[in-house]
Full PDB file with SEQRES, HELIX, SHEET, SSBOND, CRYST1, ORIGX, SCALE, CONECT and MASTER records, all heavy atoms in Angstrom:
SEQRES   1 A   43  LEU PRO SER SER ALA THR THR GLY GLY ALA ALA LYS GLY          
SEQRES   2 A   43  ARG GLN ALA GLU PHE ARG THR ARG VAL HIS GLY ASN GLY          
SEQRES   3 A   43  ASN LEU LEU ILE GLY HIS ALA TYR THR ARG ARG LEU GLY          
SEQRES   4 A   43  LEU GLU PRO GLY                                              
HELIX    1 AA1 HIS A   32  LEU A   38  1                                   7    
CRYST1    1.000    1.000    1.000  90.00  90.00  90.00 P 1           1          
ORIGX1      1.000000  0.000000  0.000000        0.00000                         
ORIGX2      0.000000  1.000000  0.000000        0.00000                         
ORIGX3      0.000000  0.000000  1.000000        0.00000                         
SCALE1      1.000000  0.000000  0.000000        0.00000                         
SCALE2      0.000000  1.000000  0.000000        0.00000                         
SCALE3      0.000000  0.000000  1.000000        0.00000                         
ATOM      1  N   LEU A   1     -17.006  52.448 -40.686  1.00  0.00           N  
ATOM      2  CA  LEU A   1     -16.470  52.831 -39.394  1.00  0.00           C  
ATOM      3  C   LEU A   1     -15.220  53.715 -39.695  1.00  0.00           C  
ATOM      4  O   LEU A   1     -14.460  53.388 -40.664  1.00  0.00           O  
ATOM      5  CB  LEU A   1     -16.073  51.560 -38.626  1.00  0.00           C  
ATOM      6  CG  LEU A   1     -17.215  50.705 -38.133  1.00  0.00           C  
ATOM      7  CD1 LEU A   1     -16.664  49.456 -37.501  1.00  0.00           C  
ATOM      8  CD2 LEU A   1     -18.066  51.448 -37.145  1.00  0.00           C  
ATOM      9  N   PRO A   2     -14.934  54.653 -38.816  1.00  0.00           N  
ATOM     10  CA  PRO A   2     -13.718  55.405 -38.982  1.00  0.00           C  
ATOM     11  C   PRO A   2     -12.564  54.537 -38.657  1.00  0.00           C  
ATOM     12  O   PRO A   2     -12.634  53.659 -37.815  1.00  0.00           O  
ATOM     13  CB  PRO A   2     -13.846  56.526 -37.925  1.00  0.00           C  
ATOM     14  CG  PRO A   2     -14.820  56.038 -36.940  1.00  0.00           C  
ATOM     15  CD  PRO A   2     -15.763  55.079 -37.741  1.00  0.00           C  
ATOM     16  N   SER A   3     -11.491  54.688 -39.413  1.00  0.00           N  
ATOM     17  CA  SER A   3     -10.332  53.839 -39.205  1.00  0.00           C  
ATOM     18  C   SER A   3      -9.672  54.216 -37.874  1.00  0.00           C  
ATOM     19  O   SER A   3      -9.691  55.432 -37.513  1.00  0.00           O  
ATOM     20  CB  SER A   3      -9.308  53.939 -40.350  1.00  0.00           C  
ATOM     21  OG  SER A   3      -8.862  55.265 -40.463  1.00  0.00           O  
ATOM     22  N   SER A   4      -9.056  53.286 -37.225  1.00  0.00           N  
ATOM     23  CA  SER A   4      -8.312  53.585 -35.995  1.00  0.00           C  
ATOM     24  C   SER A   4      -6.825  53.148 -36.173  1.00  0.00           C  
ATOM     25  O   SER A   4      -6.511  52.536 -37.131  1.00  0.00           O  
ATOM     26  CB  SER A   4      -8.991  52.838 -34.834  1.00  0.00           C  
ATOM     27  OG  SER A   4      -8.730  51.444 -35.007  1.00  0.00           O  
ATOM     28  N   ALA A   5      -6.026  53.518 -35.270  1.00  0.00           N  
ATOM     29  CA  ALA A   5      -4.604  53.259 -35.364  1.00  0.00           C  
ATOM     30  C   ALA A   5      -4.252  51.744 -35.405  1.00  0.00           C  
ATOM     31  O   ALA A   5      -3.267  51.395 -35.937  1.00  0.00           O  
ATOM     32  CB  ALA A   5      -3.826  53.818 -34.175  1.00  0.00           C  
ATOM     33  N   THR A   6      -5.149  50.954 -34.854  1.00  0.00           N  
ATOM     34  CA  THR A   6      -4.888  49.550 -34.810  1.00  0.00           C  
ATOM     35  C   THR A   6      -5.467  48.761 -35.968  1.00  0.00           C  
ATOM     36  O   THR A   6      -5.187  47.604 -36.134  1.00  0.00           O  
ATOM     37  CB  THR A   6      -5.428  48.895 -33.537  1.00  0.00           C  
ATOM     38  OG1 THR A   6      -6.727  49.110 -33.424  1.00  0.00           O  
ATOM     39  CG2 THR A   6      -4.628  49.513 -32.275  1.00  0.00           C  
ATOM     40  N   THR A   7      -6.242  49.425 -36.880  1.00  0.00           N  
ATOM     41  CA  THR A   7      -6.859  48.660 -37.982  1.00  0.00           C  
ATOM     42  C   THR A   7      -6.052  49.010 -39.238  1.00  0.00           C  
ATOM     43  O   THR A   7      -5.408  50.043 -39.396  1.00  0.00           O  
ATOM     44  CB  THR A   7      -8.300  49.060 -38.170  1.00  0.00           C  
ATOM     45  OG1 THR A   7      -8.422  50.473 -38.386  1.00  0.00           O  
ATOM     46  CG2 THR A   7      -9.137  48.617 -36.996  1.00  0.00           C  
ATOM     47  N   GLY A   8      -6.070  48.061 -40.210  1.00  0.00           N  
ATOM     48  CA  GLY A   8      -5.417  48.319 -41.441  1.00  0.00           C  
ATOM     49  C   GLY A   8      -3.994  47.912 -41.416  1.00  0.00           C  
ATOM     50  O   GLY A   8      -3.387  47.811 -42.480  1.00  0.00           O  
ATOM     51  N   GLY A   9      -3.388  47.683 -40.310  1.00  0.00           N  
ATOM     52  CA  GLY A   9      -1.983  47.276 -40.230  1.00  0.00           C  
ATOM     53  C   GLY A   9      -1.753  46.367 -39.121  1.00  0.00           C  
ATOM     54  O   GLY A   9      -2.701  45.779 -38.590  1.00  0.00           O  
ATOM     55  N   ALA A  10      -0.545  46.116 -38.758  1.00  0.00           N  
ATOM     56  CA  ALA A  10      -0.244  45.175 -37.701  1.00  0.00           C  
ATOM     57  C   ALA A  10      -0.670  45.851 -36.338  1.00  0.00           C  
ATOM     58  O   ALA A  10      -0.422  46.995 -36.123  1.00  0.00           O  
ATOM     59  CB  ALA A  10       1.267  44.888 -37.626  1.00  0.00           C  
ATOM     60  N   ALA A  11      -1.307  45.083 -35.535  1.00  0.00           N  
ATOM     61  CA  ALA A  11      -1.770  45.552 -34.234  1.00  0.00           C  
ATOM     62  C   ALA A  11      -0.595  45.694 -33.361  1.00  0.00           C  
ATOM     63  O   ALA A  11       0.354  44.935 -33.373  1.00  0.00           O  
ATOM     64  CB  ALA A  11      -2.797  44.555 -33.609  1.00  0.00           C  
ATOM     65  N   LYS A  12      -0.664  46.691 -32.438  1.00  0.00           N  
ATOM     66  CA  LYS A  12       0.473  46.945 -31.552  1.00  0.00           C  
ATOM     67  C   LYS A  12       0.384  46.095 -30.317  1.00  0.00           C  
ATOM     68  O   LYS A  12       1.264  46.056 -29.521  1.00  0.00           O  
ATOM     69  CB  LYS A  12       0.501  48.415 -31.191  1.00  0.00           C  
ATOM     70  CG  LYS A  12       0.833  49.359 -32.321  1.00  0.00           C  
ATOM     71  CD  LYS A  12       0.841  50.759 -31.868  1.00  0.00           C  
ATOM     72  CE  LYS A  12       1.239  51.725 -32.963  1.00  0.00           C  
ATOM     73  NZ  LYS A  12       1.282  53.105 -32.452  1.00  0.00           N  
ATOM     74  N   GLY A  13      -0.769  45.488 -30.073  1.00  0.00           N  
ATOM     75  CA  GLY A  13      -0.936  44.780 -28.796  1.00  0.00           C  
ATOM     76  C   GLY A  13      -1.446  45.733 -27.715  1.00  0.00           C  
ATOM     77  O   GLY A  13      -1.800  46.870 -27.981  1.00  0.00           O  
ATOM     78  N   ARG A  14      -1.359  45.324 -26.519  1.00  0.00           N  
ATOM     79  CA  ARG A  14      -1.806  46.066 -25.390  1.00  0.00           C  
ATOM     80  C   ARG A  14      -0.742  47.221 -25.106  1.00  0.00           C  
ATOM     81  O   ARG A  14       0.461  46.944 -25.111  1.00  0.00           O  
ATOM     82  CB  ARG A  14      -2.025  45.285 -24.092  1.00  0.00           C  
ATOM     83  CG  ARG A  14      -3.144  44.317 -24.194  1.00  0.00           C  
ATOM     84  CD  ARG A  14      -3.409  43.658 -22.929  1.00  0.00           C  
ATOM     85  NE  ARG A  14      -4.620  42.786 -23.056  1.00  0.00           N  
ATOM     86  CZ  ARG A  14      -5.130  42.196 -22.069  1.00  0.00           C  
ATOM     87  NH1 ARG A  14      -4.572  42.302 -20.838  1.00  0.00           N  
ATOM     88  NH2 ARG A  14      -6.196  41.497 -22.180  1.00  0.00           N  
ATOM     89  N   GLN A  15      -1.214  48.416 -24.904  1.00  0.00           N  
ATOM     90  CA  GLN A  15      -0.346  49.498 -24.647  1.00  0.00           C  
ATOM     91  C   GLN A  15      -0.510  49.944 -23.173  1.00  0.00           C  
ATOM     92  O   GLN A  15      -1.586  49.907 -22.649  1.00  0.00           O  
ATOM     93  CB  GLN A  15      -0.703  50.697 -25.519  1.00  0.00           C  
ATOM     94  CG  GLN A  15      -0.571  50.350 -26.968  1.00  0.00           C  
ATOM     95  CD  GLN A  15       0.908  50.075 -27.400  1.00  0.00           C  
ATOM     96  OE1 GLN A  15       1.804  50.849 -27.073  1.00  0.00           O  
ATOM     97  NE2 GLN A  15       1.083  48.961 -28.088  1.00  0.00           N  
ATOM     98  N   ALA A  16       0.606  50.314 -22.564  1.00  0.00           N  
ATOM     99  CA  ALA A  16       0.565  50.802 -21.160  1.00  0.00           C  
ATOM    100  C   ALA A  16      -0.276  52.089 -21.078  1.00  0.00           C  
ATOM    101  O   ALA A  16      -0.139  52.953 -22.019  1.00  0.00           O  
ATOM    102  CB  ALA A  16       1.996  51.086 -20.688  1.00  0.00           C  
ATOM    103  N   GLU A  17      -1.085  52.211 -20.164  1.00  0.00           N  
ATOM    104  CA  GLU A  17      -2.048  53.371 -20.079  1.00  0.00           C  
ATOM    105  C   GLU A  17      -1.631  54.404 -19.079  1.00  0.00           C  
ATOM    106  O   GLU A  17      -2.208  55.448 -19.018  1.00  0.00           O  
ATOM    107  CB  GLU A  17      -3.441  52.916 -19.728  1.00  0.00           C  
ATOM    108  CG  GLU A  17      -4.099  52.050 -20.808  1.00  0.00           C  
ATOM    109  CD  GLU A  17      -5.528  51.703 -20.421  1.00  0.00           C  
ATOM    110  OE1 GLU A  17      -6.200  52.572 -19.823  1.00  0.00           O  
ATOM    111  OE2 GLU A  17      -5.906  50.564 -20.647  1.00  0.00           O  
ATOM    112  N   PHE A  18      -0.680  54.081 -18.234  1.00  0.00           N  
ATOM    113  CA  PHE A  18      -0.221  55.024 -17.142  1.00  0.00           C  
ATOM    114  C   PHE A  18      -1.403  55.277 -16.186  1.00  0.00           C  
ATOM    115  O   PHE A  18      -1.617  56.459 -15.796  1.00  0.00           O  
ATOM    116  CB  PHE A  18       0.389  56.312 -17.656  1.00  0.00           C  
ATOM    117  CG  PHE A  18       1.662  56.039 -18.357  1.00  0.00           C  
ATOM    118  CD1 PHE A  18       1.732  55.966 -19.718  1.00  0.00           C  
ATOM    119  CD2 PHE A  18       2.856  55.905 -17.624  1.00  0.00           C  
ATOM    120  CE1 PHE A  18       2.933  55.655 -20.357  1.00  0.00           C  
ATOM    121  CE2 PHE A  18       4.003  55.659 -18.233  1.00  0.00           C  
ATOM    122  CZ  PHE A  18       4.094  55.549 -19.609  1.00  0.00           C  
ATOM    123  N   ARG A  19      -2.241  54.328 -15.918  1.00  0.00           N  
ATOM    124  CA  ARG A  19      -3.325  54.471 -14.987  1.00  0.00           C  
ATOM    125  C   ARG A  19      -3.562  53.062 -14.434  1.00  0.00           C  
ATOM    126  O   ARG A  19      -3.286  52.070 -14.988  1.00  0.00           O  
ATOM    127  CB  ARG A  19      -4.559  55.061 -15.543  1.00  0.00           C  
ATOM    128  CG  ARG A  19      -5.123  54.302 -16.746  1.00  0.00           C  
ATOM    129  CD  ARG A  19      -6.277  54.987 -17.381  1.00  0.00           C  
ATOM    130  NE  ARG A  19      -7.518  54.526 -16.750  1.00  0.00           N  
ATOM    131  CZ  ARG A  19      -8.732  54.958 -17.090  1.00  0.00           C  
ATOM    132  NH1 ARG A  19      -8.819  55.879 -17.989  1.00  0.00           N  
ATOM    133  NH2 ARG A  19      -9.778  54.520 -16.460  1.00  0.00           N  
ATOM    134  N   THR A  20      -4.150  53.052 -13.226  1.00  0.00           N  
ATOM    135  CA  THR A  20      -4.504  51.815 -12.525  1.00  0.00           C  
ATOM    136  C   THR A  20      -5.737  52.029 -11.645  1.00  0.00           C  
ATOM    137  O   THR A  20      -6.228  53.128 -11.660  1.00  0.00           O  
ATOM    138  CB  THR A  20      -3.302  51.257 -11.749  1.00  0.00           C  
ATOM    139  OG1 THR A  20      -3.588  49.938 -11.233  1.00  0.00           O  
ATOM    140  CG2 THR A  20      -2.978  52.145 -10.467  1.00  0.00           C  
ATOM    141  N   ARG A  21      -6.196  51.000 -10.986  1.00  0.00           N  
ATOM    142  CA  ARG A  21      -7.315  51.158 -10.120  1.00  0.00           C  
ATOM    143  C   ARG A  21      -7.148  50.265  -8.932  1.00  0.00           C  
ATOM    144  O   ARG A  21      -6.346  49.310  -8.989  1.00  0.00           O  
ATOM    145  CB  ARG A  21      -8.604  50.841 -10.835  1.00  0.00           C  
ATOM    146  CG  ARG A  21      -8.692  49.366 -11.222  1.00  0.00           C  
ATOM    147  CD  ARG A  21     -10.163  48.986 -11.728  1.00  0.00           C  
ATOM    148  NE  ARG A  21     -10.146  47.615 -11.791  1.00  0.00           N  
ATOM    149  CZ  ARG A  21     -10.458  46.917 -12.832  1.00  0.00           C  
ATOM    150  NH1 ARG A  21     -10.759  47.597 -13.928  1.00  0.00           N  
ATOM    151  NH2 ARG A  21     -10.510  45.664 -12.826  1.00  0.00           N  
ATOM    152  N   VAL A  22      -7.819  50.516  -7.891  1.00  0.00           N  
ATOM    153  CA  VAL A  22      -7.785  49.688  -6.653  1.00  0.00           C  
ATOM    154  C   VAL A  22      -8.809  48.464  -6.976  1.00  0.00           C  
ATOM    155  O   VAL A  22      -9.896  48.668  -7.333  1.00  0.00           O  
ATOM    156  CB  VAL A  22      -8.279  50.456  -5.477  1.00  0.00           C  
ATOM    157  CG1 VAL A  22      -8.296  49.534  -4.233  1.00  0.00           C  
ATOM    158  CG2 VAL A  22      -7.400  51.647  -5.208  1.00  0.00           C  
ATOM    159  N   HIS A  23      -8.210  47.317  -6.771  1.00  0.00           N  
ATOM    160  CA  HIS A  23      -9.021  46.073  -6.989  1.00  0.00           C  
ATOM    161  C   HIS A  23      -9.928  45.807  -5.842  1.00  0.00           C  
ATOM    162  O   HIS A  23      -9.809  46.436  -4.731  1.00  0.00           O  
ATOM    163  CB  HIS A  23      -8.022  44.908  -7.192  1.00  0.00           C  
ATOM    164  CG  HIS A  23      -7.232  45.006  -8.431  1.00  0.00           C  
ATOM    165  ND1 HIS A  23      -7.548  44.334  -9.566  1.00  0.00           N  
ATOM    166  CD2 HIS A  23      -6.177  45.734  -8.831  1.00  0.00           C  
ATOM    167  CE1 HIS A  23      -6.752  44.633 -10.594  1.00  0.00           C  
ATOM    168  NE2 HIS A  23      -5.848  45.533 -10.098  1.00  0.00           N  
ATOM    169  N   GLY A  24     -10.865  44.926  -5.967  1.00  0.00           N  
ATOM    170  CA  GLY A  24     -11.812  44.608  -4.962  1.00  0.00           C  
ATOM    171  C   GLY A  24     -11.197  44.170  -3.627  1.00  0.00           C  
ATOM    172  O   GLY A  24     -11.790  44.368  -2.573  1.00  0.00           O  
ATOM    173  N   ASN A  25     -10.022  43.542  -3.694  1.00  0.00           N  
ATOM    174  CA  ASN A  25      -9.315  43.108  -2.451  1.00  0.00           C  
ATOM    175  C   ASN A  25      -8.503  44.257  -1.783  1.00  0.00           C  
ATOM    176  O   ASN A  25      -7.795  43.973  -0.800  1.00  0.00           O  
ATOM    177  CB  ASN A  25      -8.500  41.883  -2.725  1.00  0.00           C  
ATOM    178  CG  ASN A  25      -7.367  42.147  -3.733  1.00  0.00           C  
ATOM    179  OD1 ASN A  25      -7.198  43.278  -4.201  1.00  0.00           O  
ATOM    180  ND2 ASN A  25      -6.688  41.041  -4.070  1.00  0.00           N  
ATOM    181  N   GLY A  26      -8.559  45.425  -2.403  1.00  0.00           N  
ATOM    182  CA  GLY A  26      -7.772  46.538  -1.878  1.00  0.00           C  
ATOM    183  C   GLY A  26      -6.412  46.727  -2.408  1.00  0.00           C  
ATOM    184  O   GLY A  26      -5.706  47.670  -2.095  1.00  0.00           O  
ATOM    185  N   ASN A  27      -5.993  45.804  -3.271  1.00  0.00           N  
ATOM    186  CA  ASN A  27      -4.631  45.930  -3.838  1.00  0.00           C  
ATOM    187  C   ASN A  27      -4.587  46.900  -4.990  1.00  0.00           C  
ATOM    188  O   ASN A  27      -5.549  47.133  -5.736  1.00  0.00           O  
ATOM    189  CB  ASN A  27      -4.187  44.543  -4.383  1.00  0.00           C  
ATOM    190  CG  ASN A  27      -3.857  43.550  -3.303  1.00  0.00           C  
ATOM    191  OD1 ASN A  27      -3.706  43.973  -2.127  1.00  0.00           O  
ATOM    192  ND2 ASN A  27      -3.809  42.354  -3.641  1.00  0.00           N  
ATOM    193  N   LEU A  28      -3.426  47.512  -5.143  1.00  0.00           N  
ATOM    194  CA  LEU A  28      -3.127  48.477  -6.212  1.00  0.00           C  
ATOM    195  C   LEU A  28      -2.023  47.872  -7.032  1.00  0.00           C  
ATOM    196  O   LEU A  28      -0.912  47.720  -6.537  1.00  0.00           O  
ATOM    197  CB  LEU A  28      -2.780  49.817  -5.612  1.00  0.00           C  
ATOM    198  CG  LEU A  28      -2.507  50.922  -6.577  1.00  0.00           C  
ATOM    199  CD1 LEU A  28      -3.839  51.364  -7.259  1.00  0.00           C  
ATOM    200  CD2 LEU A  28      -1.996  52.179  -5.850  1.00  0.00           C  
ATOM    201  N   LEU A  29      -2.273  47.529  -8.281  1.00  0.00           N  
ATOM    202  CA  LEU A  29      -1.334  46.848  -9.129  1.00  0.00           C  
ATOM    203  C   LEU A  29      -0.633  47.852 -10.083  1.00  0.00           C  
ATOM    204  O   LEU A  29      -1.362  48.663 -10.696  1.00  0.00           O  
ATOM    205  CB  LEU A  29      -2.059  45.765  -9.929  1.00  0.00           C  
ATOM    206  CG  LEU A  29      -1.179  44.931 -10.890  1.00  0.00           C  
ATOM    207  CD1 LEU A  29      -0.137  44.103 -10.087  1.00  0.00           C  
ATOM    208  CD2 LEU A  29      -2.044  44.066 -11.746  1.00  0.00           C  
ATOM    209  N   ILE A  30       0.705  47.810 -10.101  1.00  0.00           N  
ATOM    210  CA  ILE A  30       1.391  48.672 -10.998  1.00  0.00           C  
ATOM    211  C   ILE A  30       1.577  48.035 -12.359  1.00  0.00           C  
ATOM    212  O   ILE A  30       1.312  48.591 -13.371  1.00  0.00           O  
ATOM    213  CB  ILE A  30       2.788  49.005 -10.417  1.00  0.00           C  
ATOM    214  CG1 ILE A  30       2.599  49.908  -9.177  1.00  0.00           C  
ATOM    215  CG2 ILE A  30       3.673  49.815 -11.407  1.00  0.00           C  
ATOM    216  CD1 ILE A  30       3.832  50.172  -8.432  1.00  0.00           C  
ATOM    217  N   GLY A  31       2.022  46.828 -12.441  1.00  0.00           N  
ATOM    218  CA  GLY A  31       2.138  46.081 -13.647  1.00  0.00           C  
ATOM    219  C   GLY A  31       3.503  45.944 -14.258  1.00  0.00           C  
ATOM    220  O   GLY A  31       4.415  46.792 -13.977  1.00  0.00           O  
ATOM    221  N   HIS A  32       3.734  44.949 -15.072  1.00  0.00           N  
ATOM    222  CA  HIS A  32       4.998  44.629 -15.642  1.00  0.00           C  
ATOM    223  C   HIS A  32       5.558  45.737 -16.539  1.00  0.00           C  
ATOM    224  O   HIS A  32       6.778  45.971 -16.492  1.00  0.00           O  
ATOM    225  CB  HIS A  32       4.856  43.324 -16.399  1.00  0.00           C  
ATOM    226  CG  HIS A  32       6.176  42.865 -16.990  1.00  0.00           C  
ATOM    227  ND1 HIS A  32       6.470  43.012 -18.291  1.00  0.00           N  
ATOM    228  CD2 HIS A  32       7.270  42.255 -16.416  1.00  0.00           C  
ATOM    229  CE1 HIS A  32       7.677  42.550 -18.523  1.00  0.00           C  
ATOM    230  NE2 HIS A  32       8.114  42.070 -17.394  1.00  0.00           N  
ATOM    231  N   ALA A  33       4.777  46.389 -17.331  1.00  0.00           N  
ATOM    232  CA  ALA A  33       5.207  47.419 -18.242  1.00  0.00           C  
ATOM    233  C   ALA A  33       6.001  48.505 -17.440  1.00  0.00           C  
ATOM    234  O   ALA A  33       7.015  49.041 -17.892  1.00  0.00           O  
ATOM    235  CB  ALA A  33       4.063  47.978 -19.072  1.00  0.00           C  
ATOM    236  N   TYR A  34       5.460  48.816 -16.243  1.00  0.00           N  
ATOM    237  CA  TYR A  34       6.068  49.925 -15.472  1.00  0.00           C  
ATOM    238  C   TYR A  34       7.307  49.440 -14.686  1.00  0.00           C  
ATOM    239  O   TYR A  34       8.253  50.176 -14.564  1.00  0.00           O  
ATOM    240  CB  TYR A  34       4.985  50.581 -14.582  1.00  0.00           C  
ATOM    241  CG  TYR A  34       3.814  50.866 -15.378  1.00  0.00           C  
ATOM    242  CD1 TYR A  34       2.647  50.209 -15.300  1.00  0.00           C  
ATOM    243  CD2 TYR A  34       3.852  51.931 -16.331  1.00  0.00           C  
ATOM    244  CE1 TYR A  34       1.537  50.468 -16.116  1.00  0.00           C  
ATOM    245  CE2 TYR A  34       2.774  52.207 -17.107  1.00  0.00           C  
ATOM    246  CZ  TYR A  34       1.581  51.519 -16.963  1.00  0.00           C  
ATOM    247  OH  TYR A  34       0.540  51.774 -17.770  1.00  0.00           O  
ATOM    248  N   THR A  35       7.203  48.269 -14.046  1.00  0.00           N  
ATOM    249  CA  THR A  35       8.362  47.751 -13.339  1.00  0.00           C  
ATOM    250  C   THR A  35       9.492  47.563 -14.286  1.00  0.00           C  
ATOM    251  O   THR A  35      10.622  47.817 -13.904  1.00  0.00           O  
ATOM    252  CB  THR A  35       8.020  46.464 -12.587  1.00  0.00           C  
ATOM    253  OG1 THR A  35       7.485  45.481 -13.437  1.00  0.00           O  
ATOM    254  CG2 THR A  35       6.963  46.741 -11.471  1.00  0.00           C  
ATOM    255  N   ARG A  36       9.271  47.054 -15.511  1.00  0.00           N  
ATOM    256  CA  ARG A  36      10.352  46.832 -16.493  1.00  0.00           C  
ATOM    257  C   ARG A  36      10.930  48.214 -16.838  1.00  0.00           C  
ATOM    258  O   ARG A  36      12.161  48.413 -16.929  1.00  0.00           O  
ATOM    259  CB  ARG A  36       9.821  46.121 -17.658  1.00  0.00           C  
ATOM    260  CG  ARG A  36      10.888  45.872 -18.686  1.00  0.00           C  
ATOM    261  CD  ARG A  36      10.422  45.124 -19.930  1.00  0.00           C  
ATOM    262  NE  ARG A  36       9.460  45.973 -20.620  1.00  0.00           N  
ATOM    263  CZ  ARG A  36       8.241  45.571 -21.033  1.00  0.00           C  
ATOM    264  NH1 ARG A  36       7.879  44.339 -20.909  1.00  0.00           N  
ATOM    265  NH2 ARG A  36       7.413  46.387 -21.658  1.00  0.00           N  
ATOM    266  N   ARG A  37      10.035  49.162 -17.060  1.00  0.00           N  
ATOM    267  CA  ARG A  37      10.507  50.551 -17.527  1.00  0.00           C  
ATOM    268  C   ARG A  37      11.421  51.192 -16.414  1.00  0.00           C  
ATOM    269  O   ARG A  37      12.349  51.909 -16.703  1.00  0.00           O  
ATOM    270  CB  ARG A  37       9.385  51.376 -17.819  1.00  0.00           C  
ATOM    271  CG  ARG A  37       9.613  52.728 -18.346  1.00  0.00           C  
ATOM    272  CD  ARG A  37       8.386  53.438 -18.830  1.00  0.00           C  
ATOM    273  NE  ARG A  37       8.776  54.768 -19.359  1.00  0.00           N  
ATOM    274  CZ  ARG A  37       7.920  55.553 -19.930  1.00  0.00           C  
ATOM    275  NH1 ARG A  37       6.707  55.212 -20.143  1.00  0.00           N  
ATOM    276  NH2 ARG A  37       8.309  56.739 -20.360  1.00  0.00           N  
ATOM    277  N   LEU A  38      11.034  50.888 -15.097  1.00  0.00           N  
ATOM    278  CA  LEU A  38      11.817  51.376 -14.028  1.00  0.00           C  
ATOM    279  C   LEU A  38      13.049  50.607 -13.698  1.00  0.00           C  
ATOM    280  O   LEU A  38      13.862  50.972 -12.849  1.00  0.00           O  
ATOM    281  CB  LEU A  38      10.902  51.538 -12.732  1.00  0.00           C  
ATOM    282  CG  LEU A  38       9.841  52.559 -12.793  1.00  0.00           C  
ATOM    283  CD1 LEU A  38       8.877  52.381 -11.662  1.00  0.00           C  
ATOM    284  CD2 LEU A  38      10.453  53.929 -12.790  1.00  0.00           C  
ATOM    285  N   GLY A  39      13.229  49.424 -14.336  1.00  0.00           N  
ATOM    286  CA  GLY A  39      14.383  48.643 -14.138  1.00  0.00           C  
ATOM    287  C   GLY A  39      14.284  47.850 -12.823  1.00  0.00           C  
ATOM    288  O   GLY A  39      15.267  47.410 -12.261  1.00  0.00           O  
ATOM    289  N   LEU A  40      13.071  47.572 -12.319  1.00  0.00           N  
ATOM    290  CA  LEU A  40      12.862  46.815 -11.082  1.00  0.00           C  
ATOM    291  C   LEU A  40      12.944  45.346 -11.342  1.00  0.00           C  
ATOM    292  O   LEU A  40      12.584  44.918 -12.381  1.00  0.00           O  
ATOM    293  CB  LEU A  40      11.555  47.273 -10.466  1.00  0.00           C  
ATOM    294  CG  LEU A  40      11.284  48.742 -10.247  1.00  0.00           C  
ATOM    295  CD1 LEU A  40       9.891  48.934  -9.619  1.00  0.00           C  
ATOM    296  CD2 LEU A  40      12.398  49.351  -9.358  1.00  0.00           C  
ATOM    297  N   GLU A  41      13.392  44.652 -10.332  1.00  0.00           N  
ATOM    298  CA  GLU A  41      13.571  43.208 -10.478  1.00  0.00           C  
ATOM    299  C   GLU A  41      12.805  42.523  -9.398  1.00  0.00           C  
ATOM    300  O   GLU A  41      12.565  43.029  -8.312  1.00  0.00           O  
ATOM    301  CB  GLU A  41      15.093  42.836 -10.333  1.00  0.00           C  
ATOM    302  CG  GLU A  41      15.936  43.417 -11.393  1.00  0.00           C  
ATOM    303  CD  GLU A  41      17.371  43.092 -11.246  1.00  0.00           C  
ATOM    304  OE1 GLU A  41      17.781  42.292 -10.352  1.00  0.00           O  
ATOM    305  OE2 GLU A  41      18.179  43.631 -11.993  1.00  0.00           O  
ATOM    306  N   PRO A  42      12.394  41.228  -9.640  1.00  0.00           N  
ATOM    307  CA  PRO A  42      11.678  40.495  -8.532  1.00  0.00           C  
ATOM    308  C   PRO A  42      12.508  40.392  -7.311  1.00  0.00           C  
ATOM    309  O   PRO A  42      13.699  40.239  -7.394  1.00  0.00           O  
ATOM    310  CB  PRO A  42      11.495  39.115  -9.206  1.00  0.00           C  
ATOM    311  CG  PRO A  42      11.522  39.368 -10.725  1.00  0.00           C  
ATOM    312  CD  PRO A  42      12.467  40.494 -10.888  1.00  0.00           C  
ATOM    313  N   GLY A  43      11.845  40.567  -6.220  1.00  0.00           N  
ATOM    314  CA  GLY A  43      12.554  40.473  -4.903  1.00  0.00           C  
ATOM    315  C   GLY A  43      12.978  41.829  -4.314  1.00  0.00           C  
ATOM    316  O   GLY A  43      13.209  41.883  -3.136  1.00  0.00           O  
TER     317      GLY A  43                                                      
MASTER        0    0    0    1    0    0    0    6  316    1    0    4          
END                                                                             
């Protein structure tokens, strides 16, 4: 198999993709990675 960036070393974990989708209930989720990056706080 061709080597990829996550093999052969320590895995980076999940990376933010800068994309989202509308869920079945109609909600659009931004996610923690982006709210943290924007400095947003709960409430």
